[in-house]
Amino acid sequence: MALGGNMRLVVLGAGMMGRAVVYDLARSPDLRRLLVADKDLRRAREVAGRYARGVASVARADAAHPKALARLLRGFDVVVNCTHYG
């Protein structure tokens, strides 16, 4: 997958969809930075370690707290929202 430059991306949510997205993005040669963020930091670490070892960093993020989430996302080019719709 070509991203078109040195992209800084966040995958928000480390569930089934997030895992698939992290897997694909981690293999892009245009990736500059990849952050896996989830409410459950342990799950974010597991996904980053399993599907993007050495490529991704992790953070705890809770979409129920928009101000904190906005601070976390500052400086990234793209956010892929893989959170639960509820």
PDB file of N, CA and C in Angstrom:
ATOM      1  N   MET A   1       0.847  -1.168   0.000  1.00  0.00           N
ATOM      2  CA  MET A   1       0.000   0.000   0.000  1.00  0.00           C
ATOM      3  C   MET A   1       0.894   1.233   0.000  1.00  0.00           C
ATOM      4  N   ALA A   2       0.753   2.089  -0.967  1.00  0.00           N
ATOM      5  CA  ALA A   2       1.519   3.338  -1.019  1.00  0.00           C
ATOM      6  C   ALA A   2       0.716   4.446  -0.364  1.00  0.00           C
ATOM      7  N   LEU A   3       1.368   5.173   0.520  1.00  0.00           N
ATOM      8  CA  LEU A   3       0.683   6.236   1.251  1.00  0.00           C
ATOM      9  C   LEU A   3       0.923   7.609   0.650  1.00  0.00           C
ATOM     10  N   GLY A   4       1.861   7.729  -0.233  1.00  0.00           N
ATOM     11  CA  GLY A   4       2.089   9.010  -0.883  1.00  0.00           C
ATOM     12  C   GLY A   4       2.926   9.978  -0.077  1.00  0.00           C
ATOM     13  N   GLY A   5       3.981   9.538   0.523  1.00  0.00           N
ATOM     14  CA  GLY A   5       4.850  10.423   1.290  1.00  0.00           C
ATOM     15  C   GLY A   5       5.152   9.861   2.656  1.00  0.00           C
ATOM     16  N   ASN A   6       5.824  10.635   3.436  1.00  0.00           N
ATOM     17  CA  ASN A   6       6.177  10.211   4.789  1.00  0.00           C
ATOM     18  C   ASN A   6       5.024  10.518   5.728  1.00  0.00           C
ATOM     19  N   MET A   7       4.088   9.623   5.801  1.00  0.00           N
ATOM     20  CA  MET A   7       2.862   9.840   6.561  1.00  0.00           C
ATOM     21  C   MET A   7       3.033   9.460   8.022  1.00  0.00           C
ATOM     22  N   ARG A   8       2.359  10.224   8.863  1.00  0.00           N
ATOM     23  CA  ARG A   8       2.268   9.947  10.300  1.00  0.00           C
ATOM     24  C   ARG A   8       0.828   9.547  10.572  1.00  0.00           C
ATOM     25  N   LEU A   9       0.634   8.290  10.972  1.00  0.00           N
ATOM     26  CA  LEU A   9      -0.717   7.742  11.107  1.00  0.00           C
ATOM     27  C   LEU A   9      -1.001   7.230  12.502  1.00  0.00           C
ATOM     28  N   VAL A  10      -2.265   7.319  12.877  1.00  0.00           N
ATOM     29  CA  VAL A  10      -2.770   6.746  14.118  1.00  0.00           C
ATOM     30  C   VAL A  10      -3.852   5.748  13.758  1.00  0.00           C
ATOM     31  N   VAL A  11      -3.774   4.573  14.339  1.00  0.00           N
ATOM     32  CA  VAL A  11      -4.877   3.629  14.276  1.00  0.00           C
ATOM     33  C   VAL A  11      -5.529   3.680  15.647  1.00  0.00           C
ATOM     34  N   LEU A  12      -6.745   4.161  15.671  1.00  0.00           N
ATOM     35  CA  LEU A  12      -7.487   4.333  16.915  1.00  0.00           C
ATOM     36  C   LEU A  12      -8.399   3.130  17.101  1.00  0.00           C
ATOM     37  N   GLY A  13      -8.027   2.264  18.008  1.00  0.00           N
ATOM     38  CA  GLY A  13      -8.765   1.031  18.256  1.00  0.00           C
ATOM     39  C   GLY A  13      -7.941  -0.164  17.828  1.00  0.00           C
ATOM     40  N   ALA A  14      -7.726  -1.100  18.753  1.00  0.00           N
ATOM     41  CA  ALA A  14      -6.878  -2.256  18.479  1.00  0.00           C
ATOM     42  C   ALA A  14      -7.672  -3.553  18.521  1.00  0.00           C
ATOM     43  N   GLY A  15      -8.921  -3.468  18.073  1.00  0.00           N
ATOM     44  CA  GLY A  15      -9.747  -4.667  17.970  1.00  0.00           C
ATOM     45  C   GLY A  15      -9.484  -5.364  16.642  1.00  0.00           C
ATOM     46  N   MET A  16     -10.447  -6.120  16.168  1.00  0.00           N
ATOM     47  CA  MET A  16     -10.263  -6.892  14.929  1.00  0.00           C
ATOM     48  C   MET A  16      -9.963  -6.006  13.723  1.00  0.00           C
ATOM     49  N   MET A  17     -10.707  -4.918  13.543  1.00  0.00           N
ATOM     50  CA  MET A  17     -10.450  -4.024  12.411  1.00  0.00           C
ATOM     51  C   MET A  17      -9.109  -3.306  12.578  1.00  0.00           C
ATOM     52  N   GLY A  18      -8.821  -2.845  13.782  1.00  0.00           N
ATOM     53  CA  GLY A  18      -7.562  -2.170  14.036  1.00  0.00           C
ATOM     54  C   GLY A  18      -6.367  -3.055  13.737  1.00  0.00           C
ATOM     55  N   ARG A  19      -6.455  -4.305  14.102  1.00  0.00           N
ATOM     56  CA  ARG A  19      -5.359  -5.255  13.835  1.00  0.00           C
ATOM     57  C   ARG A  19      -5.081  -5.366  12.344  1.00  0.00           C
ATOM     58  N   ALA A  20      -6.138  -5.477  11.559  1.00  0.00           N
ATOM     59  CA  ALA A  20      -5.971  -5.598  10.104  1.00  0.00           C
ATOM     60  C   ALA A  20      -5.348  -4.333   9.521  1.00  0.00           C
ATOM     61  N   VAL A  21      -5.785  -3.185   9.992  1.00  0.00           N
ATOM     62  CA  VAL A  21      -5.252  -1.915   9.493  1.00  0.00           C
ATOM     63  C   VAL A  21      -3.779  -1.765   9.882  1.00  0.00           C
ATOM     64  N   VAL A  22      -3.454  -2.082  11.128  1.00  0.00           N
ATOM     65  CA  VAL A  22      -2.059  -1.997  11.583  1.00  0.00           C
ATOM     66  C   VAL A  22      -1.181  -2.924  10.749  1.00  0.00           C
ATOM     67  N   TYR A  23      -1.639  -4.130  10.518  1.00  0.00           N
ATOM     68  CA  TYR A  23      -0.887  -5.095   9.712  1.00  0.00           C
ATOM     69  C   TYR A  23      -0.546  -4.513   8.343  1.00  0.00           C
ATOM     70  N   ASP A  24      -1.543  -3.954   7.673  1.00  0.00           N
ATOM     71  CA  ASP A  24      -1.322  -3.392   6.335  1.00  0.00           C
ATOM     72  C   ASP A  24      -0.439  -2.147   6.372  1.00  0.00           C
ATOM     73  N   LEU A  25      -0.728  -1.231   7.253  1.00  0.00           N
ATOM     74  CA  LEU A  25       0.031   0.023   7.297  1.00  0.00           C
ATOM     75  C   LEU A  25       1.493  -0.197   7.668  1.00  0.00           C
ATOM     76  N   ALA A  26       1.765  -1.143   8.533  1.00  0.00           N
ATOM     77  CA  ALA A  26       3.138  -1.394   8.984  1.00  0.00           C
ATOM     78  C   ALA A  26       4.040  -1.854   7.846  1.00  0.00           C
ATOM     79  N   ARG A  27       3.464  -2.301   6.762  1.00  0.00           N
ATOM     80  CA  ARG A  27       4.237  -2.787   5.626  1.00  0.00           C
ATOM     81  C   ARG A  27       4.425  -1.736   4.530  1.00  0.00           C
ATOM     82  N   SER A  28       3.946  -0.549   4.742  1.00  0.00           N
ATOM     83  CA  SER A  28       4.074   0.509   3.744  1.00  0.00           C
ATOM     84  C   SER A  28       5.462   1.135   3.799  1.00  0.00           C
ATOM     85  N   PRO A  29       6.106   1.286   2.661  1.00  0.00           N
ATOM     86  CA  PRO A  29       7.425   1.919   2.640  1.00  0.00           C
ATOM     87  C   PRO A  29       7.357   3.433   2.890  1.00  0.00           C
ATOM     88  N   ASP A  30       6.182   4.018   2.788  1.00  0.00           N
ATOM     89  CA  ASP A  30       6.026   5.463   2.964  1.00  0.00           C
ATOM     90  C   ASP A  30       5.696   5.863   4.396  1.00  0.00           C
ATOM     91  N   LEU A  31       5.602   4.898   5.269  1.00  0.00           N
ATOM     92  CA  LEU A  31       5.223   5.172   6.647  1.00  0.00           C
ATOM     93  C   LEU A  31       6.354   5.870   7.394  1.00  0.00           C
ATOM     94  N   ARG A  32       6.028   6.981   8.012  1.00  0.00           N
ATOM     95  CA  ARG A  32       6.994   7.705   8.839  1.00  0.00           C
ATOM     96  C   ARG A  32       6.798   7.371  10.308  1.00  0.00           C
ATOM     97  N   ARG A  33       5.555   7.327  10.728  1.00  0.00           N
ATOM     98  CA  ARG A  33       5.248   7.025  12.121  1.00  0.00           C
ATOM     99  C   ARG A  33       3.885   6.362  12.189  1.00  0.00           C
ATOM    100  N   LEU A  34       3.778   5.340  13.028  1.00  0.00           N
ATOM    101  CA  LEU A  34       2.515   4.642  13.235  1.00  0.00           C
ATOM    102  C   LEU A  34       2.283   4.533  14.734  1.00  0.00           C
ATOM    103  N   LEU A  35       1.128   4.998  15.172  1.00  0.00           N
ATOM    104  CA  LEU A  35       0.743   4.928  16.572  1.00  0.00           C
ATOM    105  C   LEU A  35      -0.496   4.061  16.682  1.00  0.00           C
ATOM    106  N   VAL A  36      -0.440   3.048  17.541  1.00  0.00           N
ATOM    107  CA  VAL A  36      -1.594   2.215  17.834  1.00  0.00           C
ATOM    108  C   VAL A  36      -2.139   2.699  19.172  1.00  0.00           C
ATOM    109  N   ALA A  37      -3.363   3.207  19.167  1.00  0.00           N
ATOM    110  CA  ALA A  37      -3.955   3.775  20.376  1.00  0.00           C
ATOM    111  C   ALA A  37      -5.258   3.062  20.697  1.00  0.00           C
ATOM    112  N   ASP A  38      -5.408   2.690  21.954  1.00  0.00           N
ATOM    113  CA  ASP A  38      -6.610   1.983  22.380  1.00  0.00           C
ATOM    114  C   ASP A  38      -6.885   2.314  23.838  1.00  0.00           C
ATOM    115  N   LYS A  39      -8.116   2.139  24.238  1.00  0.00           N
ATOM    116  CA  LYS A  39      -8.511   2.339  25.630  1.00  0.00           C
ATOM    117  C   LYS A  39      -7.760   1.356  26.540  1.00  0.00           C
ATOM    118  N   ASP A  40      -7.492   0.182  25.998  1.00  0.00           N
ATOM    119  CA  ASP A  40      -6.770  -0.871  26.705  1.00  0.00           C
ATOM    120  C   ASP A  40      -5.313  -0.868  26.221  1.00  0.00           C
ATOM    121  N   LEU A  41      -4.426  -0.287  27.015  1.00  0.00           N
ATOM    122  CA  LEU A  41      -3.018  -0.162  26.610  1.00  0.00           C
ATOM    123  C   LEU A  41      -2.373  -1.524  26.381  1.00  0.00           C
ATOM    124  N   ARG A  42      -2.754  -2.507  27.156  1.00  0.00           N
ATOM    125  CA  ARG A  42      -2.204  -3.855  26.973  1.00  0.00           C
ATOM    126  C   ARG A  42      -2.543  -4.401  25.585  1.00  0.00           C
ATOM    127  N   ARG A  43      -3.771  -4.163  25.147  1.00  0.00           N
ATOM    128  CA  ARG A  43      -4.183  -4.629  23.817  1.00  0.00           C
ATOM    129  C   ARG A  43      -3.445  -3.861  22.726  1.00  0.00           C
ATOM    130  N   ALA A  44      -3.260  -2.566  22.906  1.00  0.00           N
ATOM    131  CA  ALA A  44      -2.500  -1.781  21.929  1.00  0.00           C
ATOM    132  C   ALA A  44      -1.078  -2.320  21.802  1.00  0.00           C
ATOM    133  N   ARG A  45      -0.462  -2.644  22.932  1.00  0.00           N
ATOM    134  CA  ARG A  45       0.896  -3.203  22.909  1.00  0.00           C
ATOM    135  C   ARG A  45       0.939  -4.550  22.202  1.00  0.00           C
ATOM    136  N   GLU A  46      -0.060  -5.370  22.472  1.00  0.00           N
ATOM    137  CA  GLU A  46      -0.106  -6.699  21.847  1.00  0.00           C
ATOM    138  C   GLU A  46      -0.232  -6.581  20.328  1.00  0.00           C
ATOM    139  N   VAL A  47      -1.105  -5.701  19.876  1.00  0.00           N
ATOM    140  CA  VAL A  47      -1.308  -5.521  18.433  1.00  0.00           C
ATOM    141  C   VAL A  47      -0.054  -4.945  17.779  1.00  0.00           C
ATOM    142  N   ALA A  48       0.519  -3.921  18.375  1.00  0.00           N
ATOM    143  CA  ALA A  48       1.741  -3.320  17.814  1.00  0.00           C
ATOM    144  C   ALA A  48       2.868  -4.336  17.770  1.00  0.00           C
ATOM    145  N   GLY A  49       3.025  -5.112  18.821  1.00  0.00           N
ATOM    146  CA  GLY A  49       4.092  -6.104  18.869  1.00  0.00           C
ATOM    147  C   GLY A  49       3.899  -7.247  17.901  1.00  0.00           C
ATOM    148  N   ARG A  50       2.667  -7.652  17.719  1.00  0.00           N
ATOM    149  CA  ARG A  50       2.393  -8.796  16.846  1.00  0.00           C
ATOM    150  C   ARG A  50       2.351  -8.429  15.361  1.00  0.00           C
ATOM    151  N   TYR A  51       1.796  -7.268  15.039  1.00  0.00           N
ATOM    152  CA  TYR A  51       1.570  -6.927  13.632  1.00  0.00           C
ATOM    153  C   TYR A  51       2.463  -5.813  13.103  1.00  0.00           C
ATOM    154  N   ALA A  52       3.169  -5.113  13.978  1.00  0.00           N
ATOM    155  CA  ALA A  52       4.001  -3.983  13.518  1.00  0.00           C
ATOM    156  C   ALA A  52       5.257  -3.868  14.381  1.00  0.00           C
ATOM    157  N   ARG A  53       5.853  -4.997  14.695  1.00  0.00           N
ATOM    158  CA  ARG A  53       7.023  -5.028  15.577  1.00  0.00           C
ATOM    159  C   ARG A  53       8.121  -4.097  15.068  1.00  0.00           C
ATOM    160  N   GLY A  54       8.536  -3.190  15.936  1.00  0.00           N
ATOM    161  CA  GLY A  54       9.616  -2.269  15.599  1.00  0.00           C
ATOM    162  C   GLY A  54       9.187  -1.078  14.765  1.00  0.00           C
ATOM    163  N   VAL A  55       7.931  -1.044  14.372  1.00  0.00           N
ATOM    164  CA  VAL A  55       7.445   0.034  13.514  1.00  0.00           C
ATOM    165  C   VAL A  55       6.513   0.979  14.275  1.00  0.00           C
ATOM    166  N   ALA A  56       5.689   0.420  15.140  1.00  0.00           N
ATOM    167  CA  ALA A  56       4.636   1.205  15.788  1.00  0.00           C
ATOM    168  C   ALA A  56       4.965   1.519  17.241  1.00  0.00           C
ATOM    169  N   SER A  57       4.470   2.660  17.678  1.00  0.00           N
ATOM    170  CA  SER A  57       4.466   2.989  19.097  1.00  0.00           C
ATOM    171  C   SER A  57       3.028   2.848  19.579  1.00  0.00           C
ATOM    172  N   VAL A  58       2.827   2.913  20.888  1.00  0.00           N
ATOM    173  CA  VAL A  58       1.493   2.706  21.436  1.00  0.00           C
ATOM    174  C   VAL A  58       1.133   3.821  22.415  1.00  0.00           C
ATOM    175  N   ALA A  59      -0.171   3.982  22.601  1.00  0.00           N
ATOM    176  CA  ALA A  59      -0.668   4.957  23.571  1.00  0.00           C
ATOM    177  C   ALA A  59      -2.043   4.517  24.040  1.00  0.00           C
ATOM    178  N   ARG A  60      -2.395   4.970  25.226  1.00  0.00           N
ATOM    179  CA  ARG A  60      -3.745   4.755  25.726  1.00  0.00           C
ATOM    180  C   ARG A  60      -4.586   5.924  25.229  1.00  0.00           C
ATOM    181  N   ALA A  61      -5.748   5.612  24.664  1.00  0.00           N
ATOM    182  CA  ALA A  61      -6.650   6.642  24.156  1.00  0.00           C
ATOM    183  C   ALA A  61      -8.083   6.214  24.418  1.00  0.00           C
ATOM    184  N   ASP A  62      -8.873   7.142  24.891  1.00  0.00           N
ATOM    185  CA  ASP A  62     -10.280   6.881  25.161  1.00  0.00           C
ATOM    186  C   ASP A  62     -11.108   7.929  24.428  1.00  0.00           C
ATOM    187  N   ALA A  63     -11.873   7.486  23.452  1.00  0.00           N
ATOM    188  CA  ALA A  63     -12.679   8.404  22.641  1.00  0.00           C
ATOM    189  C   ALA A  63     -13.750   9.106  23.465  1.00  0.00           C
ATOM    190  N   ALA A  64     -14.006   8.637  24.671  1.00  0.00           N
ATOM    191  CA  ALA A  64     -14.977   9.294  25.538  1.00  0.00           C
ATOM    192  C   ALA A  64     -14.411  10.575  26.154  1.00  0.00           C
ATOM    193  N   HIS A  65     -13.126  10.824  25.940  1.00  0.00           N
ATOM    194  CA  HIS A  65     -12.465  12.023  26.457  1.00  0.00           C
ATOM    195  C   HIS A  65     -11.867  12.811  25.288  1.00  0.00           C
ATOM    196  N   PRO A  66     -12.698  13.586  24.579  1.00  0.00           N
ATOM    197  CA  PRO A  66     -12.276  14.223  23.332  1.00  0.00           C
ATOM    198  C   PRO A  66     -11.113  15.200  23.465  1.00  0.00           C
ATOM    199  N   LYS A  67     -11.009  15.935  24.557  1.00  0.00           N
ATOM    200  CA  LYS A  67      -9.905  16.889  24.688  1.00  0.00           C
ATOM    201  C   LYS A  67      -8.565  16.169  24.797  1.00  0.00           C
ATOM    202  N   ALA A  68      -8.511  15.134  25.589  1.00  0.00           N
ATOM    203  CA  ALA A  68      -7.279  14.348  25.722  1.00  0.00           C
ATOM    204  C   ALA A  68      -6.960  13.656  24.400  1.00  0.00           C
ATOM    205  N   LEU A  69      -7.974  13.172  23.715  1.00  0.00           N
ATOM    206  CA  LEU A  69      -7.774  12.517  22.427  1.00  0.00           C
ATOM    207  C   LEU A  69      -7.226  13.506  21.404  1.00  0.00           C
ATOM    208  N   ALA A  70      -7.759  14.707  21.385  1.00  0.00           N
ATOM    209  CA  ALA A  70      -7.276  15.735  20.452  1.00  0.00           C
ATOM    210  C   ALA A  70      -5.799  16.045  20.694  1.00  0.00           C
ATOM    211  N   ARG A  71      -5.395  16.117  21.958  1.00  0.00           N
ATOM    212  CA  ARG A  71      -3.973  16.353  22.264  1.00  0.00           C
ATOM    213  C   ARG A  71      -3.104  15.214  21.747  1.00  0.00           C
ATOM    214  N   LEU A  72      -3.567  13.991  21.920  1.00  0.00           N
ATOM    215  CA  LEU A  72      -2.807  12.830  21.465  1.00  0.00           C
ATOM    216  C   LEU A  72      -2.647  12.820  19.946  1.00  0.00           C
ATOM    217  N   LEU A  73      -3.688  13.224  19.235  1.00  0.00           N
ATOM    218  CA  LEU A  73      -3.692  13.144  17.770  1.00  0.00           C
ATOM    219  C   LEU A  73      -2.967  14.303  17.093  1.00  0.00           C
ATOM    220  N   ARG A  74      -2.658  15.332  17.830  1.00  0.00           N
ATOM    221  CA  ARG A  74      -1.979  16.498  17.267  1.00  0.00           C
ATOM    222  C   ARG A  74      -0.657  16.074  16.625  1.00  0.00           C
ATOM    223  N   GLY A  75      -0.423  16.546  15.410  1.00  0.00           N
ATOM    224  CA  GLY A  75       0.822  16.260  14.714  1.00  0.00           C
ATOM    225  C   GLY A  75       0.769  15.066  13.781  1.00  0.00           C
ATOM    226  N   PHE A  76      -0.344  14.354  13.777  1.00  0.00           N
ATOM    227  CA  PHE A  76      -0.483  13.221  12.866  1.00  0.00           C
ATOM    228  C   PHE A  76      -1.226  13.668  11.611  1.00  0.00           C
ATOM    229  N   ASP A  77      -0.956  12.997  10.508  1.00  0.00           N
ATOM    230  CA  ASP A  77      -1.579  13.331   9.224  1.00  0.00           C
ATOM    231  C   ASP A  77      -2.929  12.647   9.040  1.00  0.00           C
ATOM    232  N   VAL A  78      -3.035  11.410   9.517  1.00  0.00           N
ATOM    233  CA  VAL A  78      -4.224  10.599   9.280  1.00  0.00           C
ATOM    234  C   VAL A  78      -4.580   9.836  10.546  1.00  0.00           C
ATOM    235  N   VAL A  79      -5.881   9.762  10.825  1.00  0.00           N
ATOM    236  CA  VAL A  79      -6.389   8.908  11.894  1.00  0.00           C
ATOM    237  C   VAL A  79      -7.343   7.908  11.270  1.00  0.00           C
ATOM    238  N   VAL A  80      -7.078   6.634  11.490  1.00  0.00           N
ATOM    239  CA  VAL A  80      -7.987   5.593  11.033  1.00  0.00           C
ATOM    240  C   VAL A  80      -8.776   5.160  12.261  1.00  0.00           C
ATOM    241  N   ASN A  81     -10.063   5.473  12.252  1.00  0.00           N
ATOM    242  CA  ASN A  81     -10.916   5.175  13.400  1.00  0.00           C
ATOM    243  C   ASN A  81     -11.436   3.758  13.307  1.00  0.00           C
ATOM    244  N   CYS A  82     -10.925   2.908  14.180  1.00  0.00           N
ATOM    245  CA  CYS A  82     -11.361   1.513  14.243  1.00  0.00           C
ATOM    246  C   CYS A  82     -12.015   1.222  15.588  1.00  0.00           C
ATOM    247  N   THR A  83     -12.544   2.264  16.217  1.00  0.00           N
ATOM    248  CA  THR A  83     -13.193   2.069  17.502  1.00  0.00           C
ATOM    249  C   THR A  83     -14.589   1.476  17.304  1.00  0.00           C
ATOM    250  N   HIS A  84     -15.124   0.954  18.374  1.00  0.00           N
ATOM    251  CA  HIS A  84     -16.474   0.399  18.365  1.00  0.00           C
ATOM    252  C   HIS A  84     -17.466   1.538  18.172  1.00  0.00           C
ATOM    253  N   TYR A  85     -18.485   1.323  17.407  1.00  0.00           N
ATOM    254  CA  TYR A  85     -19.444   2.384  17.084  1.00  0.00           C
ATOM    255  C   TYR A  85     -20.245   2.848  18.292  1.00  0.00           C
ATOM    256  N   GLY A  86     -20.304   2.052  19.338  1.00  0.00           N
ATOM    257  CA  GLY A  86     -21.109   2.399  20.506  1.00  0.00           C
ATOM    258  C   GLY A  86     -20.388   3.366  21.380  1.00  0.00           C
TER     259      GLY A  86
END
